[in-house]
Amino acid sequence: MKSSTLLTAFTFAACEIAQVLAHGGVLSYNIGGQIYQGFRSYNTPVGQSSIQREWDSYDPIIDPMHPQISCNLNGANLGSGQLSATVAAGSKVLAWWNQWPHNLGPVMVYMANCNGACTTANTASLNWFKIEEAGLISGTVDKGTWAQGQLITNNNSWTTTIPASLAPGEYMLRHELLSIHTPNQPQFYPNCAQLKLTGGGSAQPSGSYLVKLPGAYKASDPGVTLDVYNHPTWTNYTIPGPAVWRG
């Protein structure tokens, strides 16, 4: 009986480890040459300090209308431990993921003006705009080169340039991977970090560039519902969400 209990515990632990290895998110950032530690999932937020909003597990969000799809579960600020990184418009931000296992799907990067202090912002109420996206780079949807494959090749990292003309202020920066390797079950992996943007720009996106999260995606969007194994010869993929705002 005792050995059976131990075996059950071991099996459960192994499943948990496998689950962590199979999924993930942004673990750290390089902003202006300074390294910022991300939130440490599976740990209490008490005592943590990070520019990142809280995210509680490596598991994906599979509902495009999930109320916490903006910054992952639970997306809360860290109270006294919540930091913001100061960055000049036009600068590069490098985000590092854990050892990423999925190579089918796009990479998307969003920002949102907090219109004040980001620490008190409700991320589901913000107006988000996309500053970068990459999807199917070449080849067919089932065996071609995807942005997530490039992320893996580049040491599980992605580098993004903040639009140089963007007006200064406090912003959320949101990285998102949408993995489509499982038919009819999209996997969204969003993470948010807080920025204090400096510079002499004055531009702000408007109109159709601005979306709510949830609200930017629907379950019926072709880029969300694509079954790559049922359409192995397709060479086109439509990335969901708004058009990229380039400033």
C-alpha atoms as a PDB file:
ATOM      1  CA  MET A   1       0.000   0.000   0.000  1.00  0.00           C
ATOM      2  CA  LYS A   2       2.833   2.329   0.920  1.00  0.00           C
ATOM      3  CA  SER A   3       4.692   1.609  -2.334  1.00  0.00           C
ATOM      4  CA  SER A   4       1.481   2.205  -4.271  1.00  0.00           C
ATOM      5  CA  THR A   5       1.073   5.601  -2.608  1.00  0.00           C
ATOM      6  CA  LEU A   6       4.666   6.522  -3.400  1.00  0.00           C
ATOM      7  CA  LEU A   7       4.207   5.449  -7.010  1.00  0.00           C
ATOM      8  CA  THR A   8       1.086   7.571  -7.309  1.00  0.00           C
ATOM      9  CA  ALA A   9       2.904  10.571  -5.843  1.00  0.00           C
ATOM     10  CA  PHE A  10       5.844  10.024  -8.172  1.00  0.00           C
ATOM     11  CA  THR A  11       3.559   9.752 -11.197  1.00  0.00           C
ATOM     12  CA  PHE A  12       1.752  12.954 -10.243  1.00  0.00           C
ATOM     13  CA  ALA A  13       5.051  14.789  -9.755  1.00  0.00           C
ATOM     14  CA  ALA A  14       6.328  13.527 -13.101  1.00  0.00           C
ATOM     15  CA  CYS A  15       3.167  14.742 -14.815  1.00  0.00           C
ATOM     16  CA  GLU A  16       3.550  18.149 -13.184  1.00  0.00           C
ATOM     17  CA  ILE A  17       7.164  18.404 -14.349  1.00  0.00           C
ATOM     18  CA  ALA A  18       6.216  17.337 -17.873  1.00  0.00           C
ATOM     19  CA  GLN A  19       3.459  19.927 -17.932  1.00  0.00           C
ATOM     20  CA  VAL A  20       5.880  22.687 -16.923  1.00  0.00           C
ATOM     21  CA  LEU A  21       8.376  21.594 -19.560  1.00  0.00           C
ATOM     22  CA  ALA A  22       5.682  21.547 -22.228  1.00  0.00           C
ATOM     23  CA  HIS A  23       4.514  25.130 -21.690  1.00  0.00           C
ATOM     24  CA  GLY A  24       5.885  28.375 -20.292  1.00  0.00           C
ATOM     25  CA  GLY A  25       6.336  32.100 -20.750  1.00  0.00           C
ATOM     26  CA  VAL A  26       8.751  35.025 -20.573  1.00  0.00           C
ATOM     27  CA  LEU A  27      11.267  34.502 -17.771  1.00  0.00           C
ATOM     28  CA  SER A  28      13.385  37.659 -18.105  1.00  0.00           C
ATOM     29  CA  TYR A  29      14.063  40.749 -20.209  1.00  0.00           C
ATOM     30  CA  ASN A  30      17.060  42.713 -21.458  1.00  0.00           C
ATOM     31  CA  ILE A  31      16.054  46.365 -21.724  1.00  0.00           C
ATOM     32  CA  GLY A  32      18.754  48.888 -22.578  1.00  0.00           C
ATOM     33  CA  GLY A  33      21.432  46.418 -21.514  1.00  0.00           C
ATOM     34  CA  GLN A  34      19.857  45.844 -18.090  1.00  0.00           C
ATOM     35  CA  ILE A  35      18.476  42.438 -17.147  1.00  0.00           C
ATOM     36  CA  TYR A  36      15.066  42.317 -15.457  1.00  0.00           C
ATOM     37  CA  GLN A  37      13.884  39.131 -13.774  1.00  0.00           C
ATOM     38  CA  GLY A  38      10.341  38.064 -14.620  1.00  0.00           C
ATOM     39  CA  PHE A  39       7.759  36.860 -12.143  1.00  0.00           C
ATOM     40  CA  ARG A  40       8.580  33.397 -10.809  1.00  0.00           C
ATOM     41  CA  SER A  41       5.537  31.243 -11.495  1.00  0.00           C
ATOM     42  CA  TYR A  42       4.468  28.558  -9.014  1.00  0.00           C
ATOM     43  CA  ASN A  43       5.815  30.802  -6.229  1.00  0.00           C
ATOM     44  CA  THR A  44       3.928  33.142  -3.959  1.00  0.00           C
ATOM     45  CA  PRO A  45       4.002  36.786  -5.101  1.00  0.00           C
ATOM     46  CA  VAL A  46       4.896  37.784  -1.538  1.00  0.00           C
ATOM     47  CA  GLY A  47       8.482  39.020  -1.542  1.00  0.00           C
ATOM     48  CA  GLN A  48       8.847  39.047  -5.327  1.00  0.00           C
ATOM     49  CA  SER A  49       9.923  42.160  -7.218  1.00  0.00           C
ATOM     50  CA  SER A  50       9.553  42.340 -10.972  1.00  0.00           C
ATOM     51  CA  ILE A  51       8.586  44.588 -13.872  1.00  0.00           C
ATOM     52  CA  GLN A  52       6.344  41.724 -14.956  1.00  0.00           C
ATOM     53  CA  ARG A  53       2.753  41.235 -13.862  1.00  0.00           C
ATOM     54  CA  GLU A  54       1.953  38.044 -11.955  1.00  0.00           C
ATOM     55  CA  TRP A  55       1.337  34.851 -13.940  1.00  0.00           C
ATOM     56  CA  ASP A  56       0.655  31.758 -11.930  1.00  0.00           C
ATOM     57  CA  SER A  57       1.463  28.776 -14.142  1.00  0.00           C
ATOM     58  CA  TYR A  58       3.065  27.689 -17.403  1.00  0.00           C
ATOM     59  CA  ASP A  59      -0.285  26.407 -18.688  1.00  0.00           C
ATOM     60  CA  PRO A  60      -1.879  28.056 -21.728  1.00  0.00           C
ATOM     61  CA  ILE A  61      -5.111  29.968 -22.004  1.00  0.00           C
ATOM     62  CA  ILE A  62      -7.236  28.144 -24.575  1.00  0.00           C
ATOM     63  CA  ASP A  63     -10.287  30.425 -24.685  1.00  0.00           C
ATOM     64  CA  PRO A  64      -9.652  33.568 -26.809  1.00  0.00           C
ATOM     65  CA  MET A  65     -12.341  35.348 -24.768  1.00  0.00           C
ATOM     66  CA  HIS A  66     -10.886  34.420 -21.379  1.00  0.00           C
ATOM     67  CA  PRO A  67     -11.243  37.418 -19.029  1.00  0.00           C
ATOM     68  CA  GLN A  68      -7.533  37.279 -18.134  1.00  0.00           C
ATOM     69  CA  ILE A  69      -6.072  36.811 -21.595  1.00  0.00           C
ATOM     70  CA  SER A  70      -4.569  40.307 -21.476  1.00  0.00           C
ATOM     71  CA  CYS A  71      -1.739  39.454 -19.068  1.00  0.00           C
ATOM     72  CA  ASN A  72      -2.271  35.802 -18.087  1.00  0.00           C
ATOM     73  CA  LEU A  73      -3.612  34.387 -14.831  1.00  0.00           C
ATOM     74  CA  ASN A  74      -3.995  36.292 -12.689  1.00  0.00           C
ATOM     75  CA  GLY A  75      -2.266  39.353 -14.124  1.00  0.00           C
ATOM     76  CA  ALA A  76      -2.237  41.185 -10.792  1.00  0.00           C
ATOM     77  CA  ASN A  77       0.273  43.844  -9.852  1.00  0.00           C
ATOM     78  CA  LEU A  78       2.797  42.861  -7.188  1.00  0.00           C
ATOM     79  CA  GLY A  79       2.009  45.680  -4.800  1.00  0.00           C
ATOM     80  CA  SER A  80       5.191  47.042  -3.235  1.00  0.00           C
ATOM     81  CA  GLY A  81       7.198  44.637  -5.390  1.00  0.00           C
ATOM     82  CA  GLN A  82       5.807  45.912  -8.681  1.00  0.00           C
ATOM     83  CA  LEU A  83       8.523  47.624 -10.726  1.00  0.00           C
ATOM     84  CA  SER A  84       8.618  49.417 -14.074  1.00  0.00           C
ATOM     85  CA  ALA A  85      11.559  49.537 -16.476  1.00  0.00           C
ATOM     86  CA  THR A  86      12.563  52.895 -17.925  1.00  0.00           C
ATOM     87  CA  VAL A  87      13.166  52.643 -21.662  1.00  0.00           C
ATOM     88  CA  ALA A  88      13.650  55.172 -24.457  1.00  0.00           C
ATOM     89  CA  ALA A  89      11.353  55.023 -27.473  1.00  0.00           C
ATOM     90  CA  GLY A  90      13.211  53.383 -30.338  1.00  0.00           C
ATOM     91  CA  SER A  91      15.061  51.020 -27.999  1.00  0.00           C
ATOM     92  CA  LYS A  92      15.165  47.243 -28.315  1.00  0.00           C
ATOM     93  CA  VAL A  93      13.627  44.866 -25.788  1.00  0.00           C
ATOM     94  CA  LEU A  94      14.831  41.277 -25.677  1.00  0.00           C
ATOM     95  CA  ALA A  95      12.545  38.742 -23.992  1.00  0.00           C
ATOM     96  CA  TRP A  96      13.724  35.276 -22.936  1.00  0.00           C
ATOM     97  CA  TRP A  97      11.369  32.302 -22.628  1.00  0.00           C
ATOM     98  CA  ASN A  98      11.935  28.994 -20.922  1.00  0.00           C
ATOM     99  CA  GLN A  99      13.064  26.143 -23.179  1.00  0.00           C
ATOM    100  CA  TRP A 100      10.214  26.489 -25.661  1.00  0.00           C
ATOM    101  CA  PRO A 101       8.949  23.211 -27.178  1.00  0.00           C
ATOM    102  CA  HIS A 102       6.381  24.391 -29.753  1.00  0.00           C
ATOM    103  CA  ASN A 103       7.464  25.534 -33.207  1.00  0.00           C
ATOM    104  CA  LEU A 104       4.064  26.019 -34.855  1.00  0.00           C
ATOM    105  CA  GLY A 105       2.500  29.424 -34.383  1.00  0.00           C
ATOM    106  CA  PRO A 106       2.987  33.190 -34.420  1.00  0.00           C
ATOM    107  CA  VAL A 107       4.762  35.603 -32.087  1.00  0.00           C
ATOM    108  CA  MET A 108       2.930  38.854 -31.283  1.00  0.00           C
ATOM    109  CA  VAL A 109       3.972  41.908 -29.259  1.00  0.00           C
ATOM    110  CA  TYR A 110       1.518  44.529 -27.988  1.00  0.00           C
ATOM    111  CA  MET A 111       1.650  47.715 -25.976  1.00  0.00           C
ATOM    112  CA  ALA A 112      -1.001  49.718 -24.116  1.00  0.00           C
ATOM    113  CA  ASN A 113      -0.895  53.242 -22.738  1.00  0.00           C
ATOM    114  CA  CYS A 114      -1.819  53.098 -19.059  1.00  0.00           C
ATOM    115  CA  ASN A 115      -2.896  56.776 -19.114  1.00  0.00           C
ATOM    116  CA  GLY A 116      -1.262  57.186 -15.736  1.00  0.00           C
ATOM    117  CA  ALA A 117       0.389  54.671 -13.443  1.00  0.00           C
ATOM    118  CA  CYS A 118       0.467  51.148 -14.871  1.00  0.00           C
ATOM    119  CA  THR A 119       0.563  49.652 -11.394  1.00  0.00           C
ATOM    120  CA  THR A 120      -3.072  50.591 -10.814  1.00  0.00           C
ATOM    121  CA  ALA A 121      -4.242  49.753 -14.347  1.00  0.00           C
ATOM    122  CA  ASN A 122      -6.823  47.078 -15.089  1.00  0.00           C
ATOM    123  CA  THR A 123      -5.223  45.397 -18.101  1.00  0.00           C
ATOM    124  CA  ALA A 124      -8.573  44.126 -19.434  1.00  0.00           C
ATOM    125  CA  SER A 125      -9.747  47.752 -19.734  1.00  0.00           C
ATOM    126  CA  LEU A 126      -6.709  49.087 -21.594  1.00  0.00           C
ATOM    127  CA  ASN A 127      -6.564  49.844 -25.316  1.00  0.00           C
ATOM    128  CA  TRP A 128      -3.912  47.548 -26.766  1.00  0.00           C
ATOM    129  CA  PHE A 129      -2.042  48.032 -30.045  1.00  0.00           C
ATOM    130  CA  LYS A 130       0.233  45.585 -31.793  1.00  0.00           C
ATOM    131  CA  ILE A 131       3.810  46.726 -32.482  1.00  0.00           C
ATOM    132  CA  GLU A 132       5.146  43.504 -34.005  1.00  0.00           C
ATOM    133  CA  GLU A 133       3.990  40.179 -35.367  1.00  0.00           C
ATOM    134  CA  ALA A 134       5.514  37.234 -37.214  1.00  0.00           C
ATOM    135  CA  GLY A 135       3.774  34.058 -38.324  1.00  0.00           C
ATOM    136  CA  LEU A 136       4.552  31.559 -41.071  1.00  0.00           C
ATOM    137  CA  ILE A 137       7.929  32.618 -42.455  1.00  0.00           C
ATOM    138  CA  SER A 138       8.280  30.086 -45.280  1.00  0.00           C
ATOM    139  CA  GLY A 139       7.041  26.694 -46.444  1.00  0.00           C
ATOM    140  CA  THR A 140       3.809  24.923 -45.565  1.00  0.00           C
ATOM    141  CA  VAL A 141       1.830  25.287 -42.354  1.00  0.00           C
ATOM    142  CA  ASP A 142       2.698  21.817 -41.056  1.00  0.00           C
ATOM    143  CA  LYS A 143       6.410  21.628 -41.882  1.00  0.00           C
ATOM    144  CA  GLY A 144       7.444  25.188 -42.679  1.00  0.00           C
ATOM    145  CA  THR A 145       9.389  27.752 -40.671  1.00  0.00           C
ATOM    146  CA  TRP A 146       7.307  29.633 -38.123  1.00  0.00           C
ATOM    147  CA  ALA A 147       8.157  32.582 -35.904  1.00  0.00           C
ATOM    148  CA  GLN A 148       8.118  30.293 -32.867  1.00  0.00           C
ATOM    149  CA  GLY A 149      10.681  28.092 -34.605  1.00  0.00           C
ATOM    150  CA  GLN A 150      12.875  31.163 -35.073  1.00  0.00           C
ATOM    151  CA  LEU A 151      12.395  32.034 -31.401  1.00  0.00           C
ATOM    152  CA  ILE A 152      13.661  28.561 -30.456  1.00  0.00           C
ATOM    153  CA  THR A 153      16.636  28.864 -32.817  1.00  0.00           C
ATOM    154  CA  ASN A 154      17.490  32.226 -31.279  1.00  0.00           C
ATOM    155  CA  ASN A 155      18.066  30.730 -27.828  1.00  0.00           C
ATOM    156  CA  ASN A 156      14.362  30.990 -26.899  1.00  0.00           C
ATOM    157  CA  SER A 157      14.398  34.769 -27.253  1.00  0.00           C
ATOM    158  CA  TRP A 158      12.673  37.489 -29.237  1.00  0.00           C
ATOM    159  CA  THR A 159      13.873  41.061 -29.835  1.00  0.00           C
ATOM    160  CA  THR A 160      11.394  43.880 -30.396  1.00  0.00           C
ATOM    161  CA  THR A 161      11.915  47.578 -31.150  1.00  0.00           C
ATOM    162  CA  ILE A 162       9.703  50.086 -29.344  1.00  0.00           C
ATOM    163  CA  PRO A 163       8.299  52.523 -31.971  1.00  0.00           C
ATOM    164  CA  ALA A 164      10.558  55.578 -31.971  1.00  0.00           C
ATOM    165  CA  SER A 165       7.706  58.055 -32.456  1.00  0.00           C
ATOM    166  CA  LEU A 166       5.585  56.782 -29.558  1.00  0.00           C
ATOM    167  CA  ALA A 167       4.724  59.466 -27.002  1.00  0.00           C
ATOM    168  CA  PRO A 168       6.317  59.150 -23.535  1.00  0.00           C
ATOM    169  CA  GLY A 169       4.341  57.769 -20.627  1.00  0.00           C
ATOM    170  CA  GLU A 170       3.684  54.545 -18.764  1.00  0.00           C
ATOM    171  CA  TYR A 171       2.898  51.528 -20.920  1.00  0.00           C
ATOM    172  CA  MET A 172       2.263  47.827 -20.661  1.00  0.00           C
ATOM    173  CA  LEU A 173       4.390  45.641 -22.924  1.00  0.00           C
ATOM    174  CA  ARG A 174       2.727  42.353 -23.811  1.00  0.00           C
ATOM    175  CA  HIS A 175       4.425  39.375 -25.435  1.00  0.00           C
ATOM    176  CA  GLU A 176       2.229  36.562 -26.702  1.00  0.00           C
ATOM    177  CA  LEU A 177       2.849  33.204 -28.309  1.00  0.00           C
ATOM    178  CA  LEU A 178      -0.101  31.485 -29.979  1.00  0.00           C
ATOM    179  CA  SER A 179       0.706  27.799 -30.398  1.00  0.00           C
ATOM    180  CA  ILE A 180      -1.453  25.928 -32.909  1.00  0.00           C
ATOM    181  CA  HIS A 181       0.137  22.465 -32.793  1.00  0.00           C
ATOM    182  CA  THR A 182      -2.983  20.963 -31.194  1.00  0.00           C
ATOM    183  CA  PRO A 183      -5.931  20.756 -33.657  1.00  0.00           C
ATOM    184  CA  ASN A 184      -8.911  22.922 -32.674  1.00  0.00           C
ATOM    185  CA  GLN A 185      -7.334  23.947 -29.375  1.00  0.00           C
ATOM    186  CA  PRO A 186      -5.314  27.153 -29.645  1.00  0.00           C
ATOM    187  CA  GLN A 187      -2.857  27.831 -26.845  1.00  0.00           C
ATOM    188  CA  PHE A 188      -2.309  31.476 -25.874  1.00  0.00           C
ATOM    189  CA  TYR A 189       0.737  32.358 -23.762  1.00  0.00           C
ATOM    190  CA  PRO A 190       0.656  36.075 -22.834  1.00  0.00           C
ATOM    191  CA  ASN A 191       2.957  37.929 -20.432  1.00  0.00           C
ATOM    192  CA  CYS A 192       3.009  41.625 -19.521  1.00  0.00           C
ATOM    193  CA  ALA A 193       5.700  43.961 -18.226  1.00  0.00           C
ATOM    194  CA  GLN A 194       5.466  47.576 -17.122  1.00  0.00           C
ATOM    195  CA  LEU A 195       7.475  50.293 -18.883  1.00  0.00           C
ATOM    196  CA  LYS A 196       8.124  53.985 -18.346  1.00  0.00           C
ATOM    197  CA  LEU A 197       8.754  55.277 -21.842  1.00  0.00           C
ATOM    198  CA  THR A 198      10.934  58.317 -22.458  1.00  0.00           C
ATOM    199  CA  GLY A 199      11.692  60.255 -25.625  1.00  0.00           C
ATOM    200  CA  GLY A 200      10.527  63.166 -27.714  1.00  0.00           C
ATOM    201  CA  GLY A 201       7.820  61.422 -29.716  1.00  0.00           C
ATOM    202  CA  SER A 202       4.183  62.456 -29.793  1.00  0.00           C
ATOM    203  CA  ALA A 203       2.457  59.699 -31.774  1.00  0.00           C
ATOM    204  CA  GLN A 204      -0.398  57.586 -30.425  1.00  0.00           C
ATOM    205  CA  PRO A 205      -2.291  54.847 -32.294  1.00  0.00           C
ATOM    206  CA  SER A 206      -6.026  55.237 -32.800  1.00  0.00           C
ATOM    207  CA  GLY A 207      -9.010  53.695 -34.524  1.00  0.00           C
ATOM    208  CA  SER A 208      -8.756  50.099 -35.679  1.00  0.00           C
ATOM    209  CA  TYR A 209      -5.227  49.725 -34.293  1.00  0.00           C
ATOM    210  CA  LEU A 210      -6.685  49.698 -30.761  1.00  0.00           C
ATOM    211  CA  VAL A 211      -8.292  46.571 -29.317  1.00  0.00           C
ATOM    212  CA  LYS A 212      -9.430  45.182 -26.005  1.00  0.00           C
ATOM    213  CA  LEU A 213      -8.134  41.936 -24.527  1.00  0.00           C
ATOM    214  CA  PRO A 214     -10.359  39.987 -24.388  1.00  0.00           C
ATOM    215  CA  GLY A 215     -11.987  41.142 -27.605  1.00  0.00           C
ATOM    216  CA  ALA A 216      -9.131  41.125 -30.129  1.00  0.00           C
ATOM    217  CA  TYR A 217      -9.620  37.452 -31.010  1.00  0.00           C
ATOM    218  CA  LYS A 218     -12.578  35.199 -31.706  1.00  0.00           C
ATOM    219  CA  ALA A 219     -12.746  31.430 -31.710  1.00  0.00           C
ATOM    220  CA  SER A 220     -13.800  31.623 -35.376  1.00  0.00           C
ATOM    221  CA  ASP A 221     -10.729  33.592 -36.521  1.00  0.00           C
ATOM    222  CA  PRO A 222      -8.855  31.605 -39.208  1.00  0.00           C
ATOM    223  CA  GLY A 223      -5.551  32.137 -37.414  1.00  0.00           C
ATOM    224  CA  VAL A 224      -7.024  30.724 -34.216  1.00  0.00           C
ATOM    225  CA  THR A 225      -8.884  27.723 -35.627  1.00  0.00           C
ATOM    226  CA  LEU A 226      -6.392  26.545 -38.268  1.00  0.00           C
ATOM    227  CA  ASP A 227      -5.777  22.786 -38.159  1.00  0.00           C
ATOM    228  CA  VAL A 228      -2.333  22.552 -39.735  1.00  0.00           C
ATOM    229  CA  TYR A 229      -2.593  18.768 -40.118  1.00  0.00           C
ATOM    230  CA  ASN A 230      -5.804  18.926 -42.147  1.00  0.00           C
ATOM    231  CA  HIS A 231      -4.299  21.516 -44.507  1.00  0.00           C
ATOM    232  CA  PRO A 232      -0.657  20.408 -44.796  1.00  0.00           C
ATOM    233  CA  THR A 233      -0.066  22.056 -48.182  1.00  0.00           C
ATOM    234  CA  TRP A 234      -1.279  25.537 -47.219  1.00  0.00           C
ATOM    235  CA  THR A 235       1.368  28.229 -47.447  1.00  0.00           C
ATOM    236  CA  ASN A 236      -0.623  31.162 -46.040  1.00  0.00           C
ATOM    237  CA  TYR A 237      -1.510  31.987 -42.444  1.00  0.00           C
ATOM    238  CA  THR A 238      -3.475  34.983 -41.163  1.00  0.00           C
ATOM    239  CA  ILE A 239      -2.197  36.231 -37.807  1.00  0.00           C
ATOM    240  CA  PRO A 240      -5.165  37.146 -35.572  1.00  0.00           C
ATOM    241  CA  GLY A 241      -5.661  40.536 -33.991  1.00  0.00           C
ATOM    242  CA  PRO A 242      -5.271  44.090 -35.302  1.00  0.00           C
ATOM    243  CA  ALA A 243      -2.810  45.382 -37.888  1.00  0.00           C
ATOM    244  CA  VAL A 244       0.655  46.325 -36.632  1.00  0.00           C
ATOM    245  CA  TRP A 245       1.063  49.975 -35.634  1.00  0.00           C
ATOM    246  CA  ARG A 246       4.526  51.128 -36.682  1.00  0.00           C
ATOM    247  CA  GLY A 247       4.399  54.717 -35.457  1.00  0.00           C
END
